[in-house]
Amino acid sequence: MADKKREDGPWDQKTSQKFEGKQLSEYYDPCQEAADRSLKCLHRNGGDRDMCSDYFQAYRDCKKQWVSAAFLVLSRIAERSSHHAFEFHAAEACMS
C-alpha cells in the first residue's frame, strides 16, 4: 500500500520557493519521490502493475495538483512580465 499521502499536496512553501527560484531551463518535479516509489514497487513485485496501483494513483494525484499549481505560478509570472513590458513601451512612447 502507498505511503501516507501528503495532506497539502505537492505545492507547499518549500516547493514554491524551489520552483520560483529555479532557472527557466531547470526542471523541477516535486512528484519525483512518488515516481520513485512507483518504480520501486514495480521492481519489488516483479513488474506486477496491479500490486502498485496505489502508488500509481498517488503519483497521478500529485502530478495533477503540481501541474495546476505550476500553471498558476507561470501565468502570474507571464502576467507580470507583460505588464512590465507594457509600462516600458508606454514610457518609451512618451519620450519620443
PDB file of N, CA and C in Angstrom:
ATOM      1  N   MET A   1       0.843  -1.183   0.000  1.00  0.00           N
ATOM      2  CA  MET A   1       0.000   0.000   0.000  1.00  0.00           C
ATOM      3  C   MET A   1       0.888   1.246   0.000  1.00  0.00           C
ATOM      4  N   ALA A   2       0.439   2.302  -0.610  1.00  0.00           N
ATOM      5  CA  ALA A   2       1.222   3.530  -0.734  1.00  0.00           C
ATOM      6  C   ALA A   2       1.394   4.201   0.624  1.00  0.00           C
ATOM      7  N   ASP A   3       2.517   4.934   0.752  1.00  0.00           N
ATOM      8  CA  ASP A   3       2.746   5.704   1.964  1.00  0.00           C
ATOM      9  C   ASP A   3       1.657   6.756   2.114  1.00  0.00           C
ATOM     10  N   LYS A   4       1.533   7.263   3.335  1.00  0.00           N
ATOM     11  CA  LYS A   4       0.517   8.303   3.582  1.00  0.00           C
ATOM     12  C   LYS A   4       0.739   9.481   2.632  1.00  0.00           C
ATOM     13  N   LYS A   5      -0.321   9.866   1.954  1.00  0.00           N
ATOM     14  CA  LYS A   5      -0.272  10.969   1.005  1.00  0.00           C
ATOM     15  C   LYS A   5      -0.089  12.277   1.760  1.00  0.00           C
ATOM     16  N   ARG A   6       0.715  13.176   1.182  1.00  0.00           N
ATOM     17  CA  ARG A   6       0.868  14.497   1.777  1.00  0.00           C
ATOM     18  C   ARG A   6      -0.480  15.189   1.753  1.00  0.00           C
ATOM     19  N   GLU A   7      -0.870  15.710   2.889  1.00  0.00           N
ATOM     20  CA  GLU A   7      -2.193  16.313   3.001  1.00  0.00           C
ATOM     21  C   GLU A   7      -2.330  17.590   2.188  1.00  0.00           C
ATOM     22  N   ASP A   8      -1.236  18.344   2.065  1.00  0.00           N
ATOM     23  CA  ASP A   8      -1.322  19.614   1.358  1.00  0.00           C
ATOM     24  C   ASP A   8      -0.941  19.482  -0.108  1.00  0.00           C
ATOM     25  N   GLY A   9      -0.696  18.280  -0.579  1.00  0.00           N
ATOM     26  CA  GLY A   9      -0.321  18.071  -1.968  1.00  0.00           C
ATOM     27  C   GLY A   9       1.133  18.442  -2.187  1.00  0.00           C
ATOM     28  N   PRO A  10       1.550  18.451  -3.439  1.00  0.00           N
ATOM     29  CA  PRO A  10       2.955  18.715  -3.726  1.00  0.00           C
ATOM     30  C   PRO A  10       3.327  20.190  -3.613  1.00  0.00           C
ATOM     31  N   TRP A  11       2.346  21.069  -3.583  1.00  0.00           N
ATOM     32  CA  TRP A  11       2.644  22.505  -3.587  1.00  0.00           C
ATOM     33  C   TRP A  11       2.580  23.039  -2.165  1.00  0.00           C
ATOM     34  N   ASP A  12       3.729  23.327  -1.583  1.00  0.00           N
ATOM     35  CA  ASP A  12       3.790  23.932  -0.263  1.00  0.00           C
ATOM     36  C   ASP A  12       4.835  25.048  -0.308  1.00  0.00           C
ATOM     37  N   GLN A  13       5.147  25.629   0.819  1.00  0.00           N
ATOM     38  CA  GLN A  13       6.083  26.757   0.859  1.00  0.00           C
ATOM     39  C   GLN A  13       7.454  26.357   0.306  1.00  0.00           C
ATOM     40  N   LYS A  14       7.917  25.169   0.673  1.00  0.00           N
ATOM     41  CA  LYS A  14       9.241  24.713   0.235  1.00  0.00           C
ATOM     42  C   LYS A  14       9.282  24.516  -1.282  1.00  0.00           C
ATOM     43  N   THR A  15       8.291  23.831  -1.841  1.00  0.00           N
ATOM     44  CA  THR A  15       8.295  23.603  -3.290  1.00  0.00           C
ATOM     45  C   THR A  15       8.054  24.899  -4.038  1.00  0.00           C
ATOM     46  N   SER A  16       7.273  25.790  -3.472  1.00  0.00           N
ATOM     47  CA  SER A  16       7.035  27.087  -4.103  1.00  0.00           C
ATOM     48  C   SER A  16       8.343  27.859  -4.228  1.00  0.00           C
ATOM     49  N   GLN A  17       9.131  27.884  -3.157  1.00  0.00           N
ATOM     50  CA  GLN A  17      10.414  28.587  -3.188  1.00  0.00           C
ATOM     51  C   GLN A  17      11.374  27.950  -4.184  1.00  0.00           C
ATOM     52  N   LYS A  18      11.428  26.621  -4.212  1.00  0.00           N
ATOM     53  CA  LYS A  18      12.317  25.940  -5.158  1.00  0.00           C
ATOM     54  C   LYS A  18      11.903  26.225  -6.595  1.00  0.00           C
ATOM     55  N   PHE A  19      10.597  26.167  -6.852  1.00  0.00           N
ATOM     56  CA  PHE A  19      10.101  26.365  -8.212  1.00  0.00           C
ATOM     57  C   PHE A  19      10.333  27.800  -8.681  1.00  0.00           C
ATOM     58  N   GLU A  20       9.984  28.759  -7.845  1.00  0.00           N
ATOM     59  CA  GLU A  20      10.108  30.157  -8.244  1.00  0.00           C
ATOM     60  C   GLU A  20      11.562  30.616  -8.295  1.00  0.00           C
ATOM     61  N   GLY A  21      12.453  29.940  -7.571  1.00  0.00           N
ATOM     62  CA  GLY A  21      13.860  30.322  -7.555  1.00  0.00           C
ATOM     63  C   GLY A  21      14.717  29.623  -8.596  1.00  0.00           C
ATOM     64  N   LYS A  22      14.159  28.690  -9.321  1.00  0.00           N
ATOM     65  CA  LYS A  22      14.947  27.935 -10.298  1.00  0.00           C
ATOM     66  C   LYS A  22      15.136  28.728 -11.588  1.00  0.00           C
ATOM     67  N   GLN A  23      16.137  28.350 -12.358  1.00  0.00           N
ATOM     68  CA  GLN A  23      16.347  28.939 -13.679  1.00  0.00           C
ATOM     69  C   GLN A  23      15.247  28.443 -14.610  1.00  0.00           C
ATOM     70  N   LEU A  24      14.926  29.223 -15.645  1.00  0.00           N
ATOM     71  CA  LEU A  24      13.860  28.817 -16.569  1.00  0.00           C
ATOM     72  C   LEU A  24      14.163  27.491 -17.254  1.00  0.00           C
ATOM     73  N   SER A  25      15.440  27.216 -17.515  1.00  0.00           N
ATOM     74  CA  SER A  25      15.799  25.979 -18.210  1.00  0.00           C
ATOM     75  C   SER A  25      15.920  24.788 -17.262  1.00  0.00           C
ATOM     76  N   GLU A  26      15.815  25.023 -15.975  1.00  0.00           N
ATOM     77  CA  GLU A  26      15.959  23.969 -14.980  1.00  0.00           C
ATOM     78  C   GLU A  26      14.619  23.270 -14.750  1.00  0.00           C
ATOM     79  N   TYR A  27      14.656  21.925 -14.694  1.00  0.00           N
ATOM     80  CA  TYR A  27      13.441  21.148 -14.471  1.00  0.00           C
ATOM     81  C   TYR A  27      13.328  20.821 -12.989  1.00  0.00           C
ATOM     82  N   TYR A  28      12.141  20.987 -12.441  1.00  0.00           N
ATOM     83  CA  TYR A  28      11.897  20.653 -11.046  1.00  0.00           C
ATOM     84  C   TYR A  28      10.575  19.913 -10.946  1.00  0.00           C
ATOM     85  N   ASP A  29      10.593  18.759 -10.308  1.00  0.00           N
ATOM     86  CA  ASP A  29       9.383  17.954 -10.168  1.00  0.00           C
ATOM     87  C   ASP A  29       9.236  17.497  -8.719  1.00  0.00           C
ATOM     88  N   PRO A  30       8.320  18.094  -7.955  1.00  0.00           N
ATOM     89  CA  PRO A  30       8.133  17.676  -6.572  1.00  0.00           C
ATOM     90  C   PRO A  30       7.484  16.296  -6.451  1.00  0.00           C
ATOM     91  N   CYS A  31       7.040  15.731  -7.564  1.00  0.00           N
ATOM     92  CA  CYS A  31       6.416  14.405  -7.548  1.00  0.00           C
ATOM     93  C   CYS A  31       7.429  13.297  -7.829  1.00  0.00           C
ATOM     94  N   GLN A  32       8.704  13.641  -7.902  1.00  0.00           N
ATOM     95  CA  GLN A  32       9.722  12.638  -8.207  1.00  0.00           C
ATOM     96  C   GLN A  32       9.759  11.541  -7.152  1.00  0.00           C
ATOM     97  N   GLU A  33       9.546  11.914  -5.909  1.00  0.00           N
ATOM     98  CA  GLU A  33       9.542  10.921  -4.835  1.00  0.00           C
ATOM     99  C   GLU A  33       8.425   9.891  -5.058  1.00  0.00           C
ATOM    100  N   ALA A  34       7.249  10.348  -5.457  1.00  0.00           N
ATOM    101  CA  ALA A  34       6.130   9.436  -5.738  1.00  0.00           C
ATOM    102  C   ALA A  34       6.451   8.559  -6.943  1.00  0.00           C
ATOM    103  N   ALA A  35       7.107   9.120  -7.946  1.00  0.00           N
ATOM    104  CA  ALA A  35       7.502   8.337  -9.121  1.00  0.00           C
ATOM    105  C   ALA A  35       8.505   7.260  -8.725  1.00  0.00           C
ATOM    106  N   ASP A  36       9.467   7.619  -7.888  1.00  0.00           N
ATOM    107  CA  ASP A  36      10.468   6.651  -7.428  1.00  0.00           C
ATOM    108  C   ASP A  36       9.821   5.512  -6.646  1.00  0.00           C
ATOM    109  N   ARG A  37       8.844   5.849  -5.803  1.00  0.00           N
ATOM    110  CA  ARG A  37       8.149   4.796  -5.036  1.00  0.00           C
ATOM    111  C   ARG A  37       7.395   3.852  -5.964  1.00  0.00           C
ATOM    112  N   SER A  38       6.805   4.393  -7.037  1.00  0.00           N
ATOM    113  CA  SER A  38       6.101   3.553  -8.014  1.00  0.00           C
ATOM    114  C   SER A  38       7.061   2.571  -8.669  1.00  0.00           C
ATOM    115  N   LEU A  39       8.223   3.077  -9.075  1.00  0.00           N
ATOM    116  CA  LEU A  39       9.215   2.215  -9.723  1.00  0.00           C
ATOM    117  C   LEU A  39       9.757   1.157  -8.768  1.00  0.00           C
ATOM    118  N   LYS A  40       9.993   1.547  -7.515  1.00  0.00           N
ATOM    119  CA  LYS A  40      10.466   0.577  -6.520  1.00  0.00           C
ATOM    120  C   LYS A  40       9.427  -0.515  -6.300  1.00  0.00           C
ATOM    121  N   CYS A  41       8.155  -0.124  -6.281  1.00  0.00           N
ATOM    122  CA  CYS A  41       7.075  -1.095  -6.112  1.00  0.00           C
ATOM    123  C   CYS A  41       7.069  -2.090  -7.267  1.00  0.00           C
ATOM    124  N   LEU A  42       7.191  -1.574  -8.486  1.00  0.00           N
ATOM    125  CA  LEU A  42       7.227  -2.460  -9.660  1.00  0.00           C
ATOM    126  C   LEU A  42       8.394  -3.430  -9.565  1.00  0.00           C
ATOM    127  N   HIS A  43       9.548  -2.925  -9.187  1.00  0.00           N
ATOM    128  CA  HIS A  43      10.735  -3.777  -9.065  1.00  0.00           C
ATOM    129  C   HIS A  43      10.526  -4.834  -7.981  1.00  0.00           C
ATOM    130  N   ARG A  44       9.988  -4.412  -6.850  1.00  0.00           N
ATOM    131  CA  ARG A  44       9.752  -5.306  -5.711  1.00  0.00           C
ATOM    132  C   ARG A  44       8.742  -6.399  -6.046  1.00  0.00           C
ATOM    133  N   ASN A  45       7.782  -6.087  -6.931  1.00  0.00           N
ATOM    134  CA  ASN A  45       6.708  -7.024  -7.252  1.00  0.00           C
ATOM    135  C   ASN A  45       6.849  -7.643  -8.635  1.00  0.00           C
ATOM    136  N   GLY A  46       8.045  -7.655  -9.166  1.00  0.00           N
ATOM    137  CA  GLY A  46       8.305  -8.330 -10.439  1.00  0.00           C
ATOM    138  C   GLY A  46       7.535  -7.735 -11.613  1.00  0.00           C
ATOM    139  N   GLY A  47       7.271  -6.437 -11.579  1.00  0.00           N
ATOM    140  CA  GLY A  47       6.583  -5.780 -12.692  1.00  0.00           C
ATOM    141  C   GLY A  47       5.068  -5.902 -12.658  1.00  0.00           C
ATOM    142  N   ASP A  48       4.515  -6.447 -11.591  1.00  0.00           N
ATOM    143  CA  ASP A  48       3.059  -6.603 -11.479  1.00  0.00           C
ATOM    144  C   ASP A  48       2.417  -5.254 -11.173  1.00  0.00           C
ATOM    145  N   ARG A  49       1.831  -4.647 -12.194  1.00  0.00           N
ATOM    146  CA  ARG A  49       1.251  -3.305 -12.061  1.00  0.00           C
ATOM    147  C   ARG A  49       0.064  -3.281 -11.090  1.00  0.00           C
ATOM    148  N   ASP A  50      -0.675  -4.369 -11.014  1.00  0.00           N
ATOM    149  CA  ASP A  50      -1.837  -4.413 -10.117  1.00  0.00           C
ATOM    150  C   ASP A  50      -1.431  -4.234  -8.649  1.00  0.00           C
ATOM    151  N   MET A  51      -0.249  -4.720  -8.308  1.00  0.00           N
ATOM    152  CA  MET A  51       0.229  -4.610  -6.930  1.00  0.00           C
ATOM    153  C   MET A  51       0.623  -3.171  -6.572  1.00  0.00           C
ATOM    154  N   CYS A  52       0.800  -2.335  -7.576  1.00  0.00           N
ATOM    155  CA  CYS A  52       1.314  -0.977  -7.342  1.00  0.00           C
ATOM    156  C   CYS A  52       0.303   0.110  -7.676  1.00  0.00           C
ATOM    157  N   SER A  53      -0.946  -0.252  -7.820  1.00  0.00           N
ATOM    158  CA  SER A  53      -1.949   0.725  -8.268  1.00  0.00           C
ATOM    159  C   SER A  53      -2.078   1.916  -7.312  1.00  0.00           C
ATOM    160  N   ASP A  54      -1.925   1.697  -6.011  1.00  0.00           N
ATOM    161  CA  ASP A  54      -1.997   2.812  -5.058  1.00  0.00           C
ATOM    162  C   ASP A  54      -0.856   3.807  -5.288  1.00  0.00           C
ATOM    163  N   TYR A  55       0.327   3.278  -5.581  1.00  0.00           N
ATOM    164  CA  TYR A  55       1.475   4.146  -5.853  1.00  0.00           C
ATOM    165  C   TYR A  55       1.260   4.948  -7.136  1.00  0.00           C
ATOM    166  N   PHE A  56       0.721   4.289  -8.153  1.00  0.00           N
ATOM    167  CA  PHE A  56       0.454   4.985  -9.416  1.00  0.00           C
ATOM    168  C   PHE A  56      -0.575   6.088  -9.217  1.00  0.00           C
ATOM    169  N   GLN A  57      -1.604   5.796  -8.436  1.00  0.00           N
ATOM    170  CA  GLN A  57      -2.640   6.799  -8.193  1.00  0.00           C
ATOM    171  C   GLN A  57      -2.082   7.978  -7.401  1.00  0.00           C
ATOM    172  N   ALA A  58      -1.237   7.690  -6.421  1.00  0.00           N
ATOM    173  CA  ALA A  58      -0.619   8.768  -5.638  1.00  0.00           C
ATOM    174  C   ALA A  58       0.220   9.662  -6.548  1.00  0.00           C
ATOM    175  N   TYR A  59       0.933   9.057  -7.502  1.00  0.00           N
ATOM    176  CA  TYR A  59       1.733   9.842  -8.446  1.00  0.00           C
ATOM    177  C   TYR A  59       0.831  10.688  -9.345  1.00  0.00           C
ATOM    178  N   ARG A  60      -0.238  10.088  -9.870  1.00  0.00           N
ATOM    179  CA  ARG A  60      -1.158  10.841 -10.743  1.00  0.00           C
ATOM    180  C   ARG A  60      -1.789  12.018  -9.993  1.00  0.00           C
ATOM    181  N   ASP A  61      -2.201  11.778  -8.746  1.00  0.00           N
ATOM    182  CA  ASP A  61      -2.797  12.850  -7.944  1.00  0.00           C
ATOM    183  C   ASP A  61      -1.791  13.976  -7.705  1.00  0.00           C
ATOM    184  N   CYS A  62      -0.574  13.590  -7.366  1.00  0.00           N
ATOM    185  CA  CYS A  62       0.482  14.573  -7.133  1.00  0.00           C
ATOM    186  C   CYS A  62       0.735  15.385  -8.396  1.00  0.00           C
ATOM    187  N   LYS A  63       0.870  14.694  -9.523  1.00  0.00           N
ATOM    188  CA  LYS A  63       1.176  15.371 -10.784  1.00  0.00           C
ATOM    189  C   LYS A  63       0.048  16.323 -11.182  1.00  0.00           C
ATOM    190  N   LYS A  64      -1.186  15.913 -10.972  1.00  0.00           N
ATOM    191  CA  LYS A  64      -2.327  16.765 -11.320  1.00  0.00           C
ATOM    192  C   LYS A  64      -2.301  18.055 -10.493  1.00  0.00           C
ATOM    193  N   GLN A  65      -2.076  17.923  -9.182  1.00  0.00           N
ATOM    194  CA  GLN A  65      -2.006  19.099  -8.315  1.00  0.00           C
ATOM    195  C   GLN A  65      -0.822  19.984  -8.694  1.00  0.00           C
ATOM    196  N   TRP A  66       0.304  19.355  -8.988  1.00  0.00           N
ATOM    197  CA  TRP A  66       1.514  20.095  -9.318  1.00  0.00           C
ATOM    198  C   TRP A  66       1.358  20.876 -10.623  1.00  0.00           C
ATOM    199  N   VAL A  67       0.819  20.243 -11.634  1.00  0.00           N
ATOM    200  CA  VAL A  67       0.649  20.916 -12.923  1.00  0.00           C
ATOM    201  C   VAL A  67      -0.296  22.108 -12.774  1.00  0.00           C
ATOM    202  N   SER A  68      -1.364  21.941 -12.011  1.00  0.00           N
ATOM    203  CA  SER A  68      -2.300  23.051 -11.788  1.00  0.00           C
ATOM    204  C   SER A  68      -1.621  24.210 -11.063  1.00  0.00           C
ATOM    205  N   ALA A  69      -0.879  23.904 -10.013  1.00  0.00           N
ATOM    206  CA  ALA A  69      -0.202  24.951  -9.241  1.00  0.00           C
ATOM    207  C   ALA A  69       0.890  25.623 -10.063  1.00  0.00           C
ATOM    208  N   ALA A  70       1.666  24.836 -10.800  1.00  0.00           N
ATOM    209  CA  ALA A  70       2.744  25.397 -11.617  1.00  0.00           C
ATOM    210  C   ALA A  70       2.178  26.292 -12.705  1.00  0.00           C
ATOM    211  N   PHE A  71       1.078  25.887 -13.311  1.00  0.00           N
ATOM    212  CA  PHE A  71       0.449  26.699 -14.350  1.00  0.00           C
ATOM    213  C   PHE A  71       0.019  28.048 -13.786  1.00  0.00           C
ATOM    214  N   LEU A  72      -0.549  28.031 -12.589  1.00  0.00           N
ATOM    215  CA  LEU A  72      -0.964  29.276 -11.939  1.00  0.00           C
ATOM    216  C   LEU A  72       0.222  30.205 -11.715  1.00  0.00           C
ATOM    217  N   VAL A  73       1.316  29.662 -11.198  1.00  0.00           N
ATOM    218  CA  VAL A  73       2.505  30.477 -10.941  1.00  0.00           C
ATOM    219  C   VAL A  73       3.072  31.022 -12.242  1.00  0.00           C
ATOM    220  N   LEU A  74       3.185  30.168 -13.254  1.00  0.00           N
ATOM    221  CA  LEU A  74       3.736  30.617 -14.533  1.00  0.00           C
ATOM    222  C   LEU A  74       2.858  31.675 -15.184  1.00  0.00           C
ATOM    223  N   SER A  75       1.553  31.540 -15.071  1.00  0.00           N
ATOM    224  CA  SER A  75       0.673  32.543 -15.671  1.00  0.00           C
ATOM    225  C   SER A  75       0.799  33.875 -14.931  1.00  0.00           C
ATOM    226  N   ARG A  76       1.013  33.831 -13.611  1.00  0.00           N
ATOM    227  CA  ARG A  76       1.230  35.075 -12.854  1.00  0.00           C
ATOM    228  C   ARG A  76       2.543  35.735 -13.263  1.00  0.00           C
ATOM    229  N   ILE A  77       3.583  34.926 -13.451  1.00  0.00           N
ATOM    230  CA  ILE A  77       4.877  35.460 -13.883  1.00  0.00           C
ATOM    231  C   ILE A  77       4.740  36.091 -15.260  1.00  0.00           C
ATOM    232  N   ALA A  78       4.059  35.413 -16.163  1.00  0.00           N
ATOM    233  CA  ALA A  78       3.866  35.940 -17.517  1.00  0.00           C
ATOM    234  C   ALA A  78       3.058  37.231 -17.478  1.00  0.00           C
ATOM    235  N   GLU A  79       2.058  37.271 -16.618  1.00  0.00           N
ATOM    236  CA  GLU A  79       1.227  38.470 -16.490  1.00  0.00           C
ATOM    237  C   GLU A  79       2.064  39.654 -16.008  1.00  0.00           C
ATOM    238  N   ARG A  80       2.915  39.416 -15.002  1.00  0.00           N
ATOM    239  CA  ARG A  80       3.792  40.487 -14.505  1.00  0.00           C
ATOM    240  C   ARG A  80       4.765  40.935 -15.584  1.00  0.00           C
ATOM    241  N   SER A  81       5.318  39.982 -16.329  1.00  0.00           N
ATOM    242  CA  SER A  81       6.280  40.307 -17.387  1.00  0.00           C
ATOM    243  C   SER A  81       5.631  41.151 -18.470  1.00  0.00           C
ATOM    244  N   SER A  82       4.436  40.769 -18.896  1.00  0.00           N
ATOM    245  CA  SER A  82       3.775  41.531 -19.957  1.00  0.00           C
ATOM    246  C   SER A  82       3.375  42.913 -19.450  1.00  0.00           C
ATOM    247  N   HIS A  83       3.020  43.020 -18.177  1.00  0.00           N
ATOM    248  CA  HIS A  83       2.674  44.316 -17.591  1.00  0.00           C
ATOM    249  C   HIS A  83       3.901  45.232 -17.589  1.00  0.00           C
ATOM    250  N   HIS A  84       5.066  44.678 -17.198  1.00  0.00           N
ATOM    251  CA  HIS A  84       6.298  45.471 -17.191  1.00  0.00           C
ATOM    252  C   HIS A  84       6.692  45.867 -18.610  1.00  0.00           C
ATOM    253  N   ALA A  85       6.518  44.979 -19.560  1.00  0.00           N
ATOM    254  CA  ALA A  85       6.846  45.288 -20.953  1.00  0.00           C
ATOM    255  C   ALA A  85       5.947  46.409 -21.459  1.00  0.00           C
ATOM    256  N   PHE A  86       4.677  46.373 -21.086  1.00  0.00           N
ATOM    257  CA  PHE A  86       3.741  47.421 -21.493  1.00  0.00           C
ATOM    258  C   PHE A  86       4.175  48.762 -20.905  1.00  0.00           C
ATOM    259  N   GLU A  87       4.543  48.765 -19.619  1.00  0.00           N
ATOM    260  CA  GLU A  87       4.992  50.007 -18.983  1.00  0.00           C
ATOM    261  C   GLU A  87       6.235  50.557 -19.671  1.00  0.00           C
ATOM    262  N   PHE A  88       7.159  49.663 -20.031  1.00  0.00           N
ATOM    263  CA  PHE A  88       8.386  50.078 -20.696  1.00  0.00           C
ATOM    264  C   PHE A  88       8.070  50.717 -22.044  1.00  0.00           C
ATOM    265  N   HIS A  89       7.221  50.068 -22.838  1.00  0.00           N
ATOM    266  CA  HIS A  89       6.877  50.604 -24.157  1.00  0.00           C
ATOM    267  C   HIS A  89       6.075  51.902 -24.038  1.00  0.00           C
ATOM    268  N   ALA A  90       5.228  52.015 -23.027  1.00  0.00           N
ATOM    269  CA  ALA A  90       4.458  53.243 -22.823  1.00  0.00           C
ATOM    270  C   ALA A  90       5.398  54.392 -22.461  1.00  0.00           C
ATOM    271  N   ALA A  91       6.358  54.130 -21.590  1.00  0.00           N
ATOM    272  CA  ALA A  91       7.326  55.161 -21.207  1.00  0.00           C
ATOM    273  C   ALA A  91       8.187  55.557 -22.400  1.00  0.00           C
ATOM    274  N   GLU A  92       8.557  54.561 -23.193  1.00  0.00           N
ATOM    275  CA  GLU A  92       9.364  54.809 -24.390  1.00  0.00           C
ATOM    276  C   GLU A  92       8.594  55.690 -25.374  1.00  0.00           C
ATOM    277  N   ALA A  93       7.299  55.459 -25.530  1.00  0.00           N
ATOM    278  CA  ALA A  93       6.464  56.237 -26.446  1.00  0.00           C
ATOM    279  C   ALA A  93       6.330  57.682 -25.965  1.00  0.00           C
ATOM    280  N   CYS A  94       6.273  57.867 -24.646  1.00  0.00           N
ATOM    281  CA  CYS A  94       6.155  59.222 -24.099  1.00  0.00           C
ATOM    282  C   CYS A  94       7.433  60.025 -24.311  1.00  0.00           C
ATOM    283  N   MET A  95       8.555  59.326 -24.383  1.00  0.00           N
ATOM    284  CA  MET A  95       9.837  60.003 -24.540  1.00  0.00           C
ATOM    285  C   MET A  95      10.081  60.441 -25.979  1.00  0.00           C
ATOM    286  N   SER A  96       9.345  59.862 -26.936  1.00  0.00           N
ATOM    287  CA  SER A  96       9.588  60.227 -28.333  1.00  0.00           C
ATOM    288  C   SER A  96       8.824  61.442 -28.756  1.00  0.00           C
TER     289      SER A  96
END
